[in-house]
Amino acid sequence: MPEIYVSTDCETDGPIPGPNSMLSFASAAFTADKKLVSTFSANLDLLPGATGDPKTMEFWRSQPKAWEACRTDTRPPEVVMTEYVAWLRSLPGKPVFVGYPVAFDFLFVYWYLIRFAGESPFSHSALDIKTMAMVMLGKPYRDATKRNMPSRWFDETPHTHVALDDAIGQGQLFCNMLAELRSVKR
């Protein structure tokens, strides 16, 4: 069964799930050859008792279009995460979570999957684009940032802080990096 790379981006109102809520998330499923197979996107209701982190909410005040996009048509997390599991299972391959930074996005998605769907089709595994860049560039981890990555790795997809836009853009980045890595390994 081939791997399907599920590039995922979350928009949240703080740094950790539970005290803070995942506002929106989206996944773009790619084959290794950069074919976009399917997408999933949802805006979620806030967690009961959770509050927005002051620093994070300050960021959102500077992004009114993105804030509006992630607060439109919100739905209960238990409904969304159950649908997400079904979507992941419908993909034509084994899903591999891909994120930038993976430690943040996977933390939220995994927590929500376990809390509201009772399972994670990703298991405990997630692939970090930044770590991959560190290895490919031969730079220290903290220097493996987008501004230090070669332009050939990027498509012209804008980073908008709208989860689906950002999931697609980082999925394209990952596939471009993977293609280059595989061409060097041959």
C-alpha atoms as a PDB file:
ATOM      1  CA  MET A   1       0.000   0.000   0.000  1.00  0.00           C
ATOM      2  CA  PRO A   2       1.569   3.327  -1.022  1.00  0.00           C
ATOM      3  CA  GLU A   3       2.057   6.181   1.416  1.00  0.00           C
ATOM      4  CA  ILE A   4      -0.162   9.238   1.098  1.00  0.00           C
ATOM      5  CA  TYR A   5       1.418  12.384   2.519  1.00  0.00           C
ATOM      6  CA  VAL A   6      -1.216  14.281   4.495  1.00  0.00           C
ATOM      7  CA  SER A   7       0.037  17.842   4.796  1.00  0.00           C
ATOM      8  CA  THR A   8      -1.871  19.385   7.682  1.00  0.00           C
ATOM      9  CA  ASP A   9      -2.139  22.899   9.054  1.00  0.00           C
ATOM     10  CA  CYS A  10      -3.933  24.044  12.211  1.00  0.00           C
ATOM     11  CA  GLU A  11      -5.105  27.444  13.300  1.00  0.00           C
ATOM     12  CA  THR A  12      -5.506  27.734  17.063  1.00  0.00           C
ATOM     13  CA  ASP A  13      -6.198  30.316  19.751  1.00  0.00           C
ATOM     14  CA  GLY A  14      -3.215  29.278  21.870  1.00  0.00           C
ATOM     15  CA  PRO A  15      -0.187  27.014  22.226  1.00  0.00           C
ATOM     16  CA  ILE A  16      -1.716  23.805  23.665  1.00  0.00           C
ATOM     17  CA  PRO A  17      -4.929  21.808  23.209  1.00  0.00           C
ATOM     18  CA  GLY A  18      -7.314  21.661  26.130  1.00  0.00           C
ATOM     19  CA  PRO A  19      -6.749  25.069  27.683  1.00  0.00           C
ATOM     20  CA  ASN A  20      -6.811  26.422  24.106  1.00  0.00           C
ATOM     21  CA  SER A  21      -8.904  25.425  21.094  1.00  0.00           C
ATOM     22  CA  MET A  22      -8.124  24.359  17.560  1.00  0.00           C
ATOM     23  CA  LEU A  23     -10.100  26.876  15.546  1.00  0.00           C
ATOM     24  CA  SER A  24      -9.611  25.341  12.131  1.00  0.00           C
ATOM     25  CA  PHE A  25      -7.533  22.680  10.423  1.00  0.00           C
ATOM     26  CA  ALA A  26      -7.073  21.328   6.949  1.00  0.00           C
ATOM     27  CA  SER A  27      -5.265  18.466   5.299  1.00  0.00           C
ATOM     28  CA  ALA A  28      -4.123  18.096   1.702  1.00  0.00           C
ATOM     29  CA  ALA A  29      -3.325  14.507   0.712  1.00  0.00           C
ATOM     30  CA  PHE A  30      -0.522  14.134  -1.836  1.00  0.00           C
ATOM     31  CA  THR A  31       1.098  11.196  -3.569  1.00  0.00           C
ATOM     32  CA  ALA A  32       4.906  11.171  -3.625  1.00  0.00           C
ATOM     33  CA  ASP A  33       4.814  12.542  -7.185  1.00  0.00           C
ATOM     34  CA  LYS A  34       2.915  15.654  -5.990  1.00  0.00           C
ATOM     35  CA  LYS A  35      -0.562  14.678  -7.152  1.00  0.00           C
ATOM     36  CA  LEU A  36      -3.156  16.286  -4.891  1.00  0.00           C
ATOM     37  CA  VAL A  37      -5.508  13.380  -4.159  1.00  0.00           C
ATOM     38  CA  SER A  38      -8.018  14.997  -1.799  1.00  0.00           C
ATOM     39  CA  THR A  39      -8.498  17.711   0.804  1.00  0.00           C
ATOM     40  CA  PHE A  40     -10.310  18.004   4.119  1.00  0.00           C
ATOM     41  CA  SER A  41     -11.046  21.270   5.897  1.00  0.00           C
ATOM     42  CA  ALA A  42     -13.159  22.254   8.891  1.00  0.00           C
ATOM     43  CA  ASN A  43     -13.743  25.056  11.357  1.00  0.00           C
ATOM     44  CA  LEU A  44     -14.399  23.875  14.881  1.00  0.00           C
ATOM     45  CA  ASP A  45     -16.463  25.076  17.810  1.00  0.00           C
ATOM     46  CA  LEU A  46     -14.386  26.231  20.768  1.00  0.00           C
ATOM     47  CA  LEU A  47     -13.707  23.759  23.561  1.00  0.00           C
ATOM     48  CA  PRO A  48     -15.899  24.276  26.635  1.00  0.00           C
ATOM     49  CA  GLY A  49     -13.949  26.211  29.279  1.00  0.00           C
ATOM     50  CA  ALA A  50     -11.016  26.942  26.954  1.00  0.00           C
ATOM     51  CA  THR A  51      -9.806  30.502  26.483  1.00  0.00           C
ATOM     52  CA  GLY A  52      -7.713  32.246  23.881  1.00  0.00           C
ATOM     53  CA  ASP A  53      -4.088  32.900  24.814  1.00  0.00           C
ATOM     54  CA  PRO A  54      -3.476  36.698  24.960  1.00  0.00           C
ATOM     55  CA  LYS A  55      -0.400  36.608  22.678  1.00  0.00           C
ATOM     56  CA  THR A  56      -2.145  34.381  20.149  1.00  0.00           C
ATOM     57  CA  MET A  57      -5.238  36.574  20.162  1.00  0.00           C
ATOM     58  CA  GLU A  58      -3.014  39.591  19.527  1.00  0.00           C
ATOM     59  CA  PHE A  59      -1.752  37.808  16.390  1.00  0.00           C
ATOM     60  CA  TRP A  60      -5.330  37.113  15.266  1.00  0.00           C
ATOM     61  CA  ARG A  61      -6.224  40.800  15.598  1.00  0.00           C
ATOM     62  CA  SER A  62      -3.584  41.462  12.914  1.00  0.00           C
ATOM     63  CA  GLN A  63      -5.153  38.831  10.597  1.00  0.00           C
ATOM     64  CA  PRO A  64      -8.847  39.770  10.299  1.00  0.00           C
ATOM     65  CA  LYS A  65      -9.491  37.913   7.006  1.00  0.00           C
ATOM     66  CA  ALA A  66      -7.914  34.701   8.293  1.00  0.00           C
ATOM     67  CA  TRP A  67      -9.778  35.061  11.610  1.00  0.00           C
ATOM     68  CA  GLU A  68     -13.085  35.457   9.779  1.00  0.00           C
ATOM     69  CA  ALA A  69     -12.276  32.435   7.585  1.00  0.00           C
ATOM     70  CA  CYS A  70     -11.651  30.161  10.593  1.00  0.00           C
ATOM     71  CA  ARG A  71     -14.712  31.315  12.561  1.00  0.00           C
ATOM     72  CA  THR A  72     -17.281  30.811   9.764  1.00  0.00           C
ATOM     73  CA  ASP A  73     -19.539  27.738   9.850  1.00  0.00           C
ATOM     74  CA  THR A  74     -17.933  26.137  12.920  1.00  0.00           C
ATOM     75  CA  ARG A  75     -18.956  22.599  13.854  1.00  0.00           C
ATOM     76  CA  PRO A  76     -18.603  20.378  16.948  1.00  0.00           C
ATOM     77  CA  PRO A  77     -15.169  18.709  17.222  1.00  0.00           C
ATOM     78  CA  GLU A  78     -16.709  15.272  17.828  1.00  0.00           C
ATOM     79  CA  VAL A  79     -18.501  15.453  14.468  1.00  0.00           C
ATOM     80  CA  VAL A  80     -15.522  16.868  12.571  1.00  0.00           C
ATOM     81  CA  MET A  81     -12.926  14.457  13.946  1.00  0.00           C
ATOM     82  CA  THR A  82     -15.115  11.414  13.220  1.00  0.00           C
ATOM     83  CA  GLU A  83     -15.526  12.656   9.639  1.00  0.00           C
ATOM     84  CA  TYR A  84     -11.768  13.246   9.443  1.00  0.00           C
ATOM     85  CA  VAL A  85     -11.010   9.645  10.462  1.00  0.00           C
ATOM     86  CA  ALA A  86     -13.397   8.412   7.738  1.00  0.00           C
ATOM     87  CA  TRP A  87     -11.717  10.728   5.202  1.00  0.00           C
ATOM     88  CA  LEU A  88      -8.251   9.460   6.174  1.00  0.00           C
ATOM     89  CA  ARG A  89      -9.433   5.865   5.799  1.00  0.00           C
ATOM     90  CA  SER A  90     -10.842   6.645   2.332  1.00  0.00           C
ATOM     91  CA  LEU A  91      -7.448   7.740   0.987  1.00  0.00           C
ATOM     92  CA  PRO A  92      -5.795   5.390  -1.538  1.00  0.00           C
ATOM     93  CA  GLY A  93      -2.836   4.586   0.702  1.00  0.00           C
ATOM     94  CA  LYS A  94      -1.441   4.663   4.212  1.00  0.00           C
ATOM     95  CA  PRO A  95      -1.658   8.233   5.593  1.00  0.00           C
ATOM     96  CA  VAL A  96       1.548   9.887   6.786  1.00  0.00           C
ATOM     97  CA  PHE A  97       1.083  13.135   8.738  1.00  0.00           C
ATOM     98  CA  VAL A  98       3.279  15.956   7.377  1.00  0.00           C
ATOM     99  CA  GLY A  99       3.634  19.311   9.105  1.00  0.00           C
ATOM    100  CA  TYR A 100       5.666  22.493   9.463  1.00  0.00           C
ATOM    101  CA  PRO A 101       6.254  22.619  12.339  1.00  0.00           C
ATOM    102  CA  VAL A 102       5.007  19.111  12.966  1.00  0.00           C
ATOM    103  CA  ALA A 103       5.363  19.355  16.748  1.00  0.00           C
ATOM    104  CA  PHE A 104       2.642  22.014  16.862  1.00  0.00           C
ATOM    105  CA  ASP A 105       0.163  20.765  14.257  1.00  0.00           C
ATOM    106  CA  PHE A 106       0.423  17.085  15.190  1.00  0.00           C
ATOM    107  CA  LEU A 107      -0.008  17.922  18.885  1.00  0.00           C
ATOM    108  CA  PHE A 108      -3.382  19.506  18.204  1.00  0.00           C
ATOM    109  CA  VAL A 109      -4.639  17.033  15.590  1.00  0.00           C
ATOM    110  CA  TYR A 110      -3.564  13.965  17.587  1.00  0.00           C
ATOM    111  CA  TRP A 111      -5.107  15.328  20.806  1.00  0.00           C
ATOM    112  CA  TYR A 112      -8.397  16.109  19.017  1.00  0.00           C
ATOM    113  CA  LEU A 113      -8.417  12.709  17.262  1.00  0.00           C
ATOM    114  CA  ILE A 114      -7.951  10.788  20.512  1.00  0.00           C
ATOM    115  CA  ARG A 115     -10.309  13.015  22.522  1.00  0.00           C
ATOM    116  CA  PHE A 116     -13.159  13.172  20.006  1.00  0.00           C
ATOM    117  CA  ALA A 117     -12.770  10.137  17.695  1.00  0.00           C
ATOM    118  CA  GLY A 118     -11.009   7.749  20.075  1.00  0.00           C
ATOM    119  CA  GLU A 119      -8.238   6.893  17.605  1.00  0.00           C
ATOM    120  CA  SER A 120      -5.544   8.203  15.290  1.00  0.00           C
ATOM    121  CA  PRO A 121      -5.070   6.640  11.838  1.00  0.00           C
ATOM    122  CA  PHE A 122      -1.587   8.215  11.919  1.00  0.00           C
ATOM    123  CA  SER A 123      -0.650   6.197  15.005  1.00  0.00           C
ATOM    124  CA  HIS A 124       2.075   8.171  16.818  1.00  0.00           C
ATOM    125  CA  SER A 125       3.958   9.108  13.662  1.00  0.00           C
ATOM    126  CA  ALA A 126       4.477  12.456  11.978  1.00  0.00           C
ATOM    127  CA  LEU A 127       7.007  13.790   9.480  1.00  0.00           C
ATOM    128  CA  ASP A 128       8.541  17.245  10.034  1.00  0.00           C
ATOM    129  CA  ILE A 129       9.386  19.362   6.959  1.00  0.00           C
ATOM    130  CA  LYS A 130      11.803  21.514   8.974  1.00  0.00           C
ATOM    131  CA  THR A 131      13.828  18.476  10.076  1.00  0.00           C
ATOM    132  CA  MET A 132      13.883  17.256   6.484  1.00  0.00           C
ATOM    133  CA  ALA A 133      15.196  20.684   5.401  1.00  0.00           C
ATOM    134  CA  MET A 134      17.882  20.561   8.092  1.00  0.00           C
ATOM    135  CA  VAL A 135      19.154  17.260   6.710  1.00  0.00           C
ATOM    136  CA  MET A 136      18.952  18.317   3.058  1.00  0.00           C
ATOM    137  CA  LEU A 137      20.595  21.705   3.632  1.00  0.00           C
ATOM    138  CA  GLY A 138      23.234  20.432   6.056  1.00  0.00           C
ATOM    139  CA  LYS A 139      22.398  23.321   8.381  1.00  0.00           C
ATOM    140  CA  PRO A 140      21.669  23.433  12.103  1.00  0.00           C
ATOM    141  CA  TYR A 141      17.981  22.931  12.923  1.00  0.00           C
ATOM    142  CA  ARG A 142      17.382  26.566  13.904  1.00  0.00           C
ATOM    143  CA  ASP A 143      18.790  27.688  10.529  1.00  0.00           C
ATOM    144  CA  ALA A 144      16.524  25.364   8.538  1.00  0.00           C
ATOM    145  CA  THR A 145      13.864  28.039   8.059  1.00  0.00           C
ATOM    146  CA  LYS A 146      11.834  28.872   4.966  1.00  0.00           C
ATOM    147  CA  ARG A 147      13.896  31.998   4.310  1.00  0.00           C
ATOM    148  CA  ASN A 148      17.018  29.792   4.117  1.00  0.00           C
ATOM    149  CA  MET A 149      15.440  27.216   1.795  1.00  0.00           C
ATOM    150  CA  PRO A 150      16.072  27.415  -1.966  1.00  0.00           C
ATOM    151  CA  SER A 151      13.309  29.041  -4.004  1.00  0.00           C
ATOM    152  CA  ARG A 152      13.065  25.933  -6.232  1.00  0.00           C
ATOM    153  CA  TRP A 153      11.372  24.124  -3.332  1.00  0.00           C
ATOM    154  CA  PHE A 154       8.423  26.531  -3.316  1.00  0.00           C
ATOM    155  CA  ASP A 155       5.414  26.806  -5.593  1.00  0.00           C
ATOM    156  CA  GLU A 156       3.570  30.095  -5.829  1.00  0.00           C
ATOM    157  CA  THR A 157       0.904  29.192  -3.267  1.00  0.00           C
ATOM    158  CA  PRO A 158       0.530  32.097  -0.823  1.00  0.00           C
ATOM    159  CA  HIS A 159       0.732  31.556   2.944  1.00  0.00           C
ATOM    160  CA  THR A 160      -2.568  33.099   4.129  1.00  0.00           C
ATOM    161  CA  HIS A 161      -3.105  31.602   7.613  1.00  0.00           C
ATOM    162  CA  VAL A 162      -6.201  29.954   6.153  1.00  0.00           C
ATOM    163  CA  ALA A 163      -5.653  26.294   7.004  1.00  0.00           C
ATOM    164  CA  LEU A 164      -6.422  24.787   3.577  1.00  0.00           C
ATOM    165  CA  ASP A 165      -4.253  27.273   1.683  1.00  0.00           C
ATOM    166  CA  ASP A 166      -1.356  26.635   4.050  1.00  0.00           C
ATOM    167  CA  ALA A 167      -1.786  22.834   4.022  1.00  0.00           C
ATOM    168  CA  ILE A 168      -1.629  22.803   0.214  1.00  0.00           C
ATOM    169  CA  GLY A 169       1.396  25.110   0.123  1.00  0.00           C
ATOM    170  CA  GLN A 170       3.376  23.095   2.638  1.00  0.00           C
ATOM    171  CA  GLY A 171       2.375  19.842   0.886  1.00  0.00           C
ATOM    172  CA  GLN A 172       3.793  21.208  -2.358  1.00  0.00           C
ATOM    173  CA  LEU A 173       6.966  22.221  -0.500  1.00  0.00           C
ATOM    174  CA  PHE A 174       7.298  18.724   0.958  1.00  0.00           C
ATOM    175  CA  CYS A 175       6.765  17.015  -2.420  1.00  0.00           C
ATOM    176  CA  ASN A 176       9.315  19.290  -4.109  1.00  0.00           C
ATOM    177  CA  MET A 177      11.849  18.473  -1.391  1.00  0.00           C
ATOM    178  CA  LEU A 178      11.069  14.754  -1.633  1.00  0.00           C
ATOM    179  CA  ALA A 179      11.527  14.769  -5.428  1.00  0.00           C
ATOM    180  CA  GLU A 180      14.901  16.492  -5.083  1.00  0.00           C
ATOM    181  CA  LEU A 181      15.998  14.121  -2.351  1.00  0.00           C
ATOM    182  CA  ARG A 182      15.000  11.073  -4.407  1.00  0.00           C
ATOM    183  CA  SER A 183      16.757  12.393  -7.542  1.00  0.00           C
ATOM    184  CA  VAL A 184      20.009  12.813  -5.576  1.00  0.00           C
ATOM    185  CA  LYS A 185      19.706   9.313  -4.055  1.00  0.00           C
ATOM    186  CA  ARG A 186      19.448   7.629  -7.496  1.00  0.00           C
END
